[in-house]
Amino acid sequence: MKKMTMLAFLGLSFFAFSQDVKNMPDNGKQKTALIVPTEQTELEAKKKAGEEKAKLPKPYNPKADAQADINKLIVKAKKEGKNIMIQAGGNWCIWCLRFNNFVQTTPELKELVDKNFEYYHLNFSPDNKNEKVFAQYDNPGDKFGYPVFIVLDKNGKMIKIQQSDVFEDGKGYSLEKVKAFFNEWKPKA
């Protein structure tokens, strides 16, 4: 009997409350909101990200021999007095593609990178996880996600691992923060 009394009370309370809301004067002060189901919103966001991803350059090569490429960059970096910037991620990663595009299309960043670094896109994908290469650098993607940056000196010694979320600004990256990062890790004069 207690359950029925409680259910009746709840039902009447709901009915009474809904009547009060319907009968409240509007006076032009209430705002109506369009409620879109969460699933629909998520699908639209994924579609937009997919369209953006399709337009961006794909710098990661899953077929590359990453260790051989990095070894060549070390030789070149020694000769040119540059450090090595490894951007680890994959063509599946919208933030990885956004960062690459941001650097390549921002003249002052591109100039800073070209002058001071041998730049490499280290692939991580189902096609090629580059497990041995990542293990040398303590698997930073497992800890920080992607993209993640591995900075090597001209001799190939790791001097910095940097997660990328600290550079984010909305759906992109902060020019000031990215520029400061590159300046901090360029070769010392």
C-alpha atoms as a PDB file:
ATOM      1  CA  MET A   1       0.000   0.000   0.000  1.00  0.00           C
ATOM      2  CA  LYS A   2       2.872   2.363   0.790  1.00  0.00           C
ATOM      3  CA  LYS A   3       4.278   1.822  -2.714  1.00  0.00           C
ATOM      4  CA  MET A   4       0.959   2.681  -4.346  1.00  0.00           C
ATOM      5  CA  THR A   5       0.545   5.788  -2.211  1.00  0.00           C
ATOM      6  CA  MET A   6       4.078   6.896  -3.092  1.00  0.00           C
ATOM      7  CA  LEU A   7       3.554   6.255  -6.821  1.00  0.00           C
ATOM      8  CA  ALA A   8       0.274   8.157  -6.764  1.00  0.00           C
ATOM      9  CA  PHE A   9       1.938  11.069  -4.968  1.00  0.00           C
ATOM     10  CA  LEU A  10       4.804  11.162  -7.461  1.00  0.00           C
ATOM     11  CA  GLY A  11       2.437  10.968 -10.404  1.00  0.00           C
ATOM     12  CA  LEU A  12       0.236  13.791  -9.101  1.00  0.00           C
ATOM     13  CA  SER A  13       3.295  15.891  -8.253  1.00  0.00           C
ATOM     14  CA  PHE A  14       4.650  15.482 -11.762  1.00  0.00           C
ATOM     15  CA  PHE A  15       1.270  16.354 -13.253  1.00  0.00           C
ATOM     16  CA  ALA A  16       0.905  19.417 -11.023  1.00  0.00           C
ATOM     17  CA  PHE A  17       4.426  20.617 -11.778  1.00  0.00           C
ATOM     18  CA  SER A  18       3.967  20.195 -15.518  1.00  0.00           C
ATOM     19  CA  GLN A  19       0.746  22.219 -15.324  1.00  0.00           C
ATOM     20  CA  ASP A  20       2.480  25.019 -13.443  1.00  0.00           C
ATOM     21  CA  VAL A  21       5.224  25.243 -16.055  1.00  0.00           C
ATOM     22  CA  LYS A  22       2.731  25.321 -18.915  1.00  0.00           C
ATOM     23  CA  ASN A  23       0.648  28.021 -17.289  1.00  0.00           C
ATOM     24  CA  MET A  24       3.508  30.360 -16.364  1.00  0.00           C
ATOM     25  CA  PRO A  25       3.295  33.710 -18.120  1.00  0.00           C
ATOM     26  CA  ASP A  26       5.942  34.159 -20.798  1.00  0.00           C
ATOM     27  CA  ASN A  27       6.184  37.946 -20.952  1.00  0.00           C
ATOM     28  CA  GLY A  28       8.783  37.430 -23.690  1.00  0.00           C
ATOM     29  CA  LYS A  29      11.421  36.509 -21.112  1.00  0.00           C
ATOM     30  CA  GLN A  30      11.636  32.770 -21.530  1.00  0.00           C
ATOM     31  CA  LYS A  31      13.998  31.385 -24.094  1.00  0.00           C
ATOM     32  CA  THR A  32      13.442  28.174 -25.905  1.00  0.00           C
ATOM     33  CA  ALA A  33      16.296  25.879 -26.722  1.00  0.00           C
ATOM     34  CA  LEU A  34      16.510  23.421 -29.531  1.00  0.00           C
ATOM     35  CA  ILE A  35      17.372  20.070 -28.046  1.00  0.00           C
ATOM     36  CA  VAL A  36      19.297  17.850 -30.419  1.00  0.00           C
ATOM     37  CA  PRO A  37      19.882  14.277 -29.366  1.00  0.00           C
ATOM     38  CA  THR A  38      23.468  13.696 -28.247  1.00  0.00           C
ATOM     39  CA  GLU A  39      23.992  10.929 -30.787  1.00  0.00           C
ATOM     40  CA  GLN A  40      23.044  13.267 -33.633  1.00  0.00           C
ATOM     41  CA  THR A  41      25.428  15.954 -32.358  1.00  0.00           C
ATOM     42  CA  GLU A  42      28.250  13.425 -32.071  1.00  0.00           C
ATOM     43  CA  LEU A  43      27.608  12.136 -35.590  1.00  0.00           C
ATOM     44  CA  GLU A  44      27.700  15.659 -36.986  1.00  0.00           C
ATOM     45  CA  ALA A  45      30.951  16.427 -35.140  1.00  0.00           C
ATOM     46  CA  LYS A  46      32.533  13.218 -36.472  1.00  0.00           C
ATOM     47  CA  LYS A  47      31.383  14.060 -39.984  1.00  0.00           C
ATOM     48  CA  LYS A  48      32.914  17.565 -39.785  1.00  0.00           C
ATOM     49  CA  ALA A  49      36.179  16.160 -38.395  1.00  0.00           C
ATOM     50  CA  GLY A  50      36.236  13.585 -41.203  1.00  0.00           C
ATOM     51  CA  GLU A  51      35.740  16.290 -43.821  1.00  0.00           C
ATOM     52  CA  GLU A  52      38.496  18.398 -42.251  1.00  0.00           C
ATOM     53  CA  LYS A  53      40.811  15.374 -42.060  1.00  0.00           C
ATOM     54  CA  ALA A  54      40.233  14.594 -45.734  1.00  0.00           C
ATOM     55  CA  LYS A  55      41.415  18.083 -46.743  1.00  0.00           C
ATOM     56  CA  LEU A  56      44.593  18.170 -44.648  1.00  0.00           C
ATOM     57  CA  PRO A  57      47.989  16.894 -45.887  1.00  0.00           C
ATOM     58  CA  LYS A  58      48.952  13.408 -44.656  1.00  0.00           C
ATOM     59  CA  PRO A  59      52.611  13.622 -43.530  1.00  0.00           C
ATOM     60  CA  TYR A  60      52.872  10.203 -41.863  1.00  0.00           C
ATOM     61  CA  ASN A  61      54.159   7.260 -43.903  1.00  0.00           C
ATOM     62  CA  PRO A  62      53.194   3.894 -42.380  1.00  0.00           C
ATOM     63  CA  LYS A  63      55.527   2.114 -44.826  1.00  0.00           C
ATOM     64  CA  ALA A  64      58.610   4.111 -43.861  1.00  0.00           C
ATOM     65  CA  ASP A  65      61.544   2.514 -42.072  1.00  0.00           C
ATOM     66  CA  ALA A  66      61.439   4.992 -39.194  1.00  0.00           C
ATOM     67  CA  GLN A  67      64.718   3.894 -37.599  1.00  0.00           C
ATOM     68  CA  ALA A  68      66.620   4.208 -40.872  1.00  0.00           C
ATOM     69  CA  ASP A  69      65.022   7.618 -41.505  1.00  0.00           C
ATOM     70  CA  ILE A  70      65.936   8.879 -38.019  1.00  0.00           C
ATOM     71  CA  ASN A  71      69.508   7.583 -38.419  1.00  0.00           C
ATOM     72  CA  LYS A  72      69.821   9.590 -41.650  1.00  0.00           C
ATOM     73  CA  LEU A  73      68.441  12.678 -39.920  1.00  0.00           C
ATOM     74  CA  ILE A  74      71.045  12.356 -37.161  1.00  0.00           C
ATOM     75  CA  VAL A  75      73.836  12.381 -39.749  1.00  0.00           C
ATOM     76  CA  LYS A  76      72.273  15.399 -41.449  1.00  0.00           C
ATOM     77  CA  ALA A  77      71.633  17.202 -38.132  1.00  0.00           C
ATOM     78  CA  LYS A  78      75.284  16.770 -37.075  1.00  0.00           C
ATOM     79  CA  LYS A  79      76.445  18.203 -40.368  1.00  0.00           C
ATOM     80  CA  GLU A  80      74.042  21.164 -40.248  1.00  0.00           C
ATOM     81  CA  GLY A  81      74.135  21.831 -36.481  1.00  0.00           C
ATOM     82  CA  LYS A  82      70.395  21.291 -36.039  1.00  0.00           C
ATOM     83  CA  ASN A  83      68.289  19.426 -33.520  1.00  0.00           C
ATOM     84  CA  ILE A  84      65.736  16.818 -34.548  1.00  0.00           C
ATOM     85  CA  MET A  85      62.032  17.327 -33.942  1.00  0.00           C
ATOM     86  CA  ILE A  86      59.991  14.145 -34.102  1.00  0.00           C
ATOM     87  CA  GLN A  87      56.241  14.629 -34.273  1.00  0.00           C
ATOM     88  CA  ALA A  88      54.762  11.247 -33.375  1.00  0.00           C
ATOM     89  CA  GLY A  89      51.223  10.429 -34.439  1.00  0.00           C
ATOM     90  CA  GLY A  90      49.380   9.295 -37.509  1.00  0.00           C
ATOM     91  CA  ASN A  91      47.216  10.307 -40.426  1.00  0.00           C
ATOM     92  CA  TRP A  92      44.218   9.050 -38.418  1.00  0.00           C
ATOM     93  CA  CYS A  93      44.774  11.771 -35.774  1.00  0.00           C
ATOM     94  CA  ILE A  94      43.025  15.087 -36.499  1.00  0.00           C
ATOM     95  CA  TRP A  95      45.201  16.953 -33.967  1.00  0.00           C
ATOM     96  CA  CYS A  96      48.370  15.576 -35.592  1.00  0.00           C
ATOM     97  CA  LEU A  97      47.222  16.758 -39.007  1.00  0.00           C
ATOM     98  CA  ARG A  98      46.141  20.125 -37.630  1.00  0.00           C
ATOM     99  CA  PHE A  99      49.551  20.681 -36.015  1.00  0.00           C
ATOM    100  CA  ASN A 100      51.420  19.779 -39.180  1.00  0.00           C
ATOM    101  CA  ASN A 101      49.210  22.074 -41.254  1.00  0.00           C
ATOM    102  CA  PHE A 102      49.554  24.881 -38.709  1.00  0.00           C
ATOM    103  CA  VAL A 103      53.352  24.760 -38.829  1.00  0.00           C
ATOM    104  CA  GLN A 104      53.513  24.396 -42.614  1.00  0.00           C
ATOM    105  CA  THR A 105      51.102  27.272 -43.296  1.00  0.00           C
ATOM    106  CA  THR A 106      52.382  29.725 -40.675  1.00  0.00           C
ATOM    107  CA  PRO A 107      55.445  31.386 -42.253  1.00  0.00           C
ATOM    108  CA  GLU A 108      57.221  32.326 -39.020  1.00  0.00           C
ATOM    109  CA  LEU A 109      56.838  28.790 -37.610  1.00  0.00           C
ATOM    110  CA  LYS A 110      57.894  27.144 -40.855  1.00  0.00           C
ATOM    111  CA  GLU A 111      60.985  29.362 -41.020  1.00  0.00           C
ATOM    112  CA  LEU A 112      61.832  28.646 -37.364  1.00  0.00           C
ATOM    113  CA  VAL A 113      61.514  24.894 -37.903  1.00  0.00           C
ATOM    114  CA  ASP A 114      63.378  24.810 -41.214  1.00  0.00           C
ATOM    115  CA  LYS A 115      66.263  26.823 -39.777  1.00  0.00           C
ATOM    116  CA  ASN A 116      66.696  24.861 -36.540  1.00  0.00           C
ATOM    117  CA  PHE A 117      65.360  21.322 -36.910  1.00  0.00           C
ATOM    118  CA  GLU A 118      65.368  18.222 -39.001  1.00  0.00           C
ATOM    119  CA  TYR A 119      61.650  17.444 -38.741  1.00  0.00           C
ATOM    120  CA  TYR A 120      60.228  13.929 -38.849  1.00  0.00           C
ATOM    121  CA  HIS A 121      56.712  12.512 -38.644  1.00  0.00           C
ATOM    122  CA  LEU A 122      56.995   9.217 -36.758  1.00  0.00           C
ATOM    123  CA  ASN A 123      54.036   7.041 -37.682  1.00  0.00           C
ATOM    124  CA  PHE A 124      51.906   5.215 -35.153  1.00  0.00           C
ATOM    125  CA  SER A 125      49.001   3.342 -36.710  1.00  0.00           C
ATOM    126  CA  PRO A 126      47.544  -0.158 -36.951  1.00  0.00           C
ATOM    127  CA  ASP A 127      49.602  -0.582 -40.162  1.00  0.00           C
ATOM    128  CA  ASN A 128      52.873   0.229 -38.412  1.00  0.00           C
ATOM    129  CA  LYS A 129      53.158   0.927 -34.704  1.00  0.00           C
ATOM    130  CA  ASN A 130      56.943   1.381 -34.850  1.00  0.00           C
ATOM    131  CA  GLU A 131      57.146  -0.317 -31.459  1.00  0.00           C
ATOM    132  CA  LYS A 132      60.948  -0.620 -31.372  1.00  0.00           C
ATOM    133  CA  VAL A 133      61.429   3.054 -32.242  1.00  0.00           C
ATOM    134  CA  PHE A 134      58.854   4.240 -29.706  1.00  0.00           C
ATOM    135  CA  ALA A 135      60.373   1.985 -27.028  1.00  0.00           C
ATOM    136  CA  GLN A 136      63.693   3.865 -27.391  1.00  0.00           C
ATOM    137  CA  TYR A 137      61.885   7.013 -26.302  1.00  0.00           C
ATOM    138  CA  ASP A 138      59.928   5.400 -23.441  1.00  0.00           C
ATOM    139  CA  ASN A 139      56.657   5.100 -25.427  1.00  0.00           C
ATOM    140  CA  PRO A 140      55.506   8.718 -25.025  1.00  0.00           C
ATOM    141  CA  GLY A 141      52.273   8.208 -26.980  1.00  0.00           C
ATOM    142  CA  ASP A 142      51.085   5.714 -24.367  1.00  0.00           C
ATOM    143  CA  LYS A 143      51.587   8.353 -21.689  1.00  0.00           C
ATOM    144  CA  PHE A 144      50.512  11.548 -23.423  1.00  0.00           C
ATOM    145  CA  GLY A 145      48.476  10.643 -26.504  1.00  0.00           C
ATOM    146  CA  TYR A 146      49.101  12.094 -29.964  1.00  0.00           C
ATOM    147  CA  PRO A 147      50.643  14.109 -31.286  1.00  0.00           C
ATOM    148  CA  VAL A 148      53.595  13.948 -28.967  1.00  0.00           C
ATOM    149  CA  PHE A 149      56.951  15.559 -29.667  1.00  0.00           C
ATOM    150  CA  ILE A 150      60.354  13.980 -29.152  1.00  0.00           C
ATOM    151  CA  VAL A 151      63.273  16.376 -29.392  1.00  0.00           C
ATOM    152  CA  LEU A 152      66.731  14.974 -30.091  1.00  0.00           C
ATOM    153  CA  ASP A 153      69.986  16.859 -30.116  1.00  0.00           C
ATOM    154  CA  LYS A 154      72.200  16.720 -33.199  1.00  0.00           C
ATOM    155  CA  ASN A 155      73.757  13.482 -31.898  1.00  0.00           C
ATOM    156  CA  GLY A 156      70.404  11.748 -31.574  1.00  0.00           C
ATOM    157  CA  LYS A 157      70.214  12.005 -27.772  1.00  0.00           C
ATOM    158  CA  MET A 158      66.684  12.603 -26.501  1.00  0.00           C
ATOM    159  CA  ILE A 159      66.492  15.950 -24.706  1.00  0.00           C
ATOM    160  CA  LYS A 160      62.733  16.506 -24.395  1.00  0.00           C
ATOM    161  CA  ILE A 161      59.369  14.797 -24.691  1.00  0.00           C
ATOM    162  CA  GLN A 162      56.450  17.188 -24.964  1.00  0.00           C
ATOM    163  CA  GLN A 163      52.747  16.478 -25.026  1.00  0.00           C
ATOM    164  CA  SER A 164      50.772  18.651 -27.413  1.00  0.00           C
ATOM    165  CA  ASP A 165      47.659  19.565 -25.478  1.00  0.00           C
ATOM    166  CA  VAL A 166      49.484  22.475 -23.815  1.00  0.00           C
ATOM    167  CA  PHE A 167      49.674  24.140 -27.256  1.00  0.00           C
ATOM    168  CA  GLU A 168      45.970  23.805 -28.063  1.00  0.00           C
ATOM    169  CA  ASP A 169      43.764  26.823 -28.519  1.00  0.00           C
ATOM    170  CA  GLY A 170      40.148  25.982 -29.385  1.00  0.00           C
ATOM    171  CA  LYS A 171      40.171  23.696 -32.424  1.00  0.00           C
ATOM    172  CA  GLY A 172      43.734  24.706 -33.271  1.00  0.00           C
ATOM    173  CA  TYR A 173      47.022  25.740 -31.732  1.00  0.00           C
ATOM    174  CA  SER A 174      48.413  28.864 -30.096  1.00  0.00           C
ATOM    175  CA  LEU A 175      51.055  30.605 -32.198  1.00  0.00           C
ATOM    176  CA  GLU A 176      52.774  32.004 -29.119  1.00  0.00           C
ATOM    177  CA  LYS A 177      52.977  28.656 -27.295  1.00  0.00           C
ATOM    178  CA  VAL A 178      54.180  26.688 -30.326  1.00  0.00           C
ATOM    179  CA  LYS A 179      56.737  29.360 -31.204  1.00  0.00           C
ATOM    180  CA  ALA A 180      58.025  29.390 -27.599  1.00  0.00           C
ATOM    181  CA  PHE A 181      58.391  25.587 -27.679  1.00  0.00           C
ATOM    182  CA  PHE A 182      60.387  25.616 -30.907  1.00  0.00           C
ATOM    183  CA  ASN A 183      62.573  28.463 -29.642  1.00  0.00           C
ATOM    184  CA  GLU A 184      63.228  26.675 -26.364  1.00  0.00           C
ATOM    185  CA  TRP A 185      64.446  23.491 -28.062  1.00  0.00           C
ATOM    186  CA  LYS A 186      66.359  24.878 -31.032  1.00  0.00           C
ATOM    187  CA  PRO A 187      70.124  24.260 -30.921  1.00  0.00           C
ATOM    188  CA  LYS A 188      71.992  26.498 -28.509  1.00  0.00           C
ATOM    189  CA  ALA A 189      74.401  28.882 -30.192  1.00  0.00           C
END
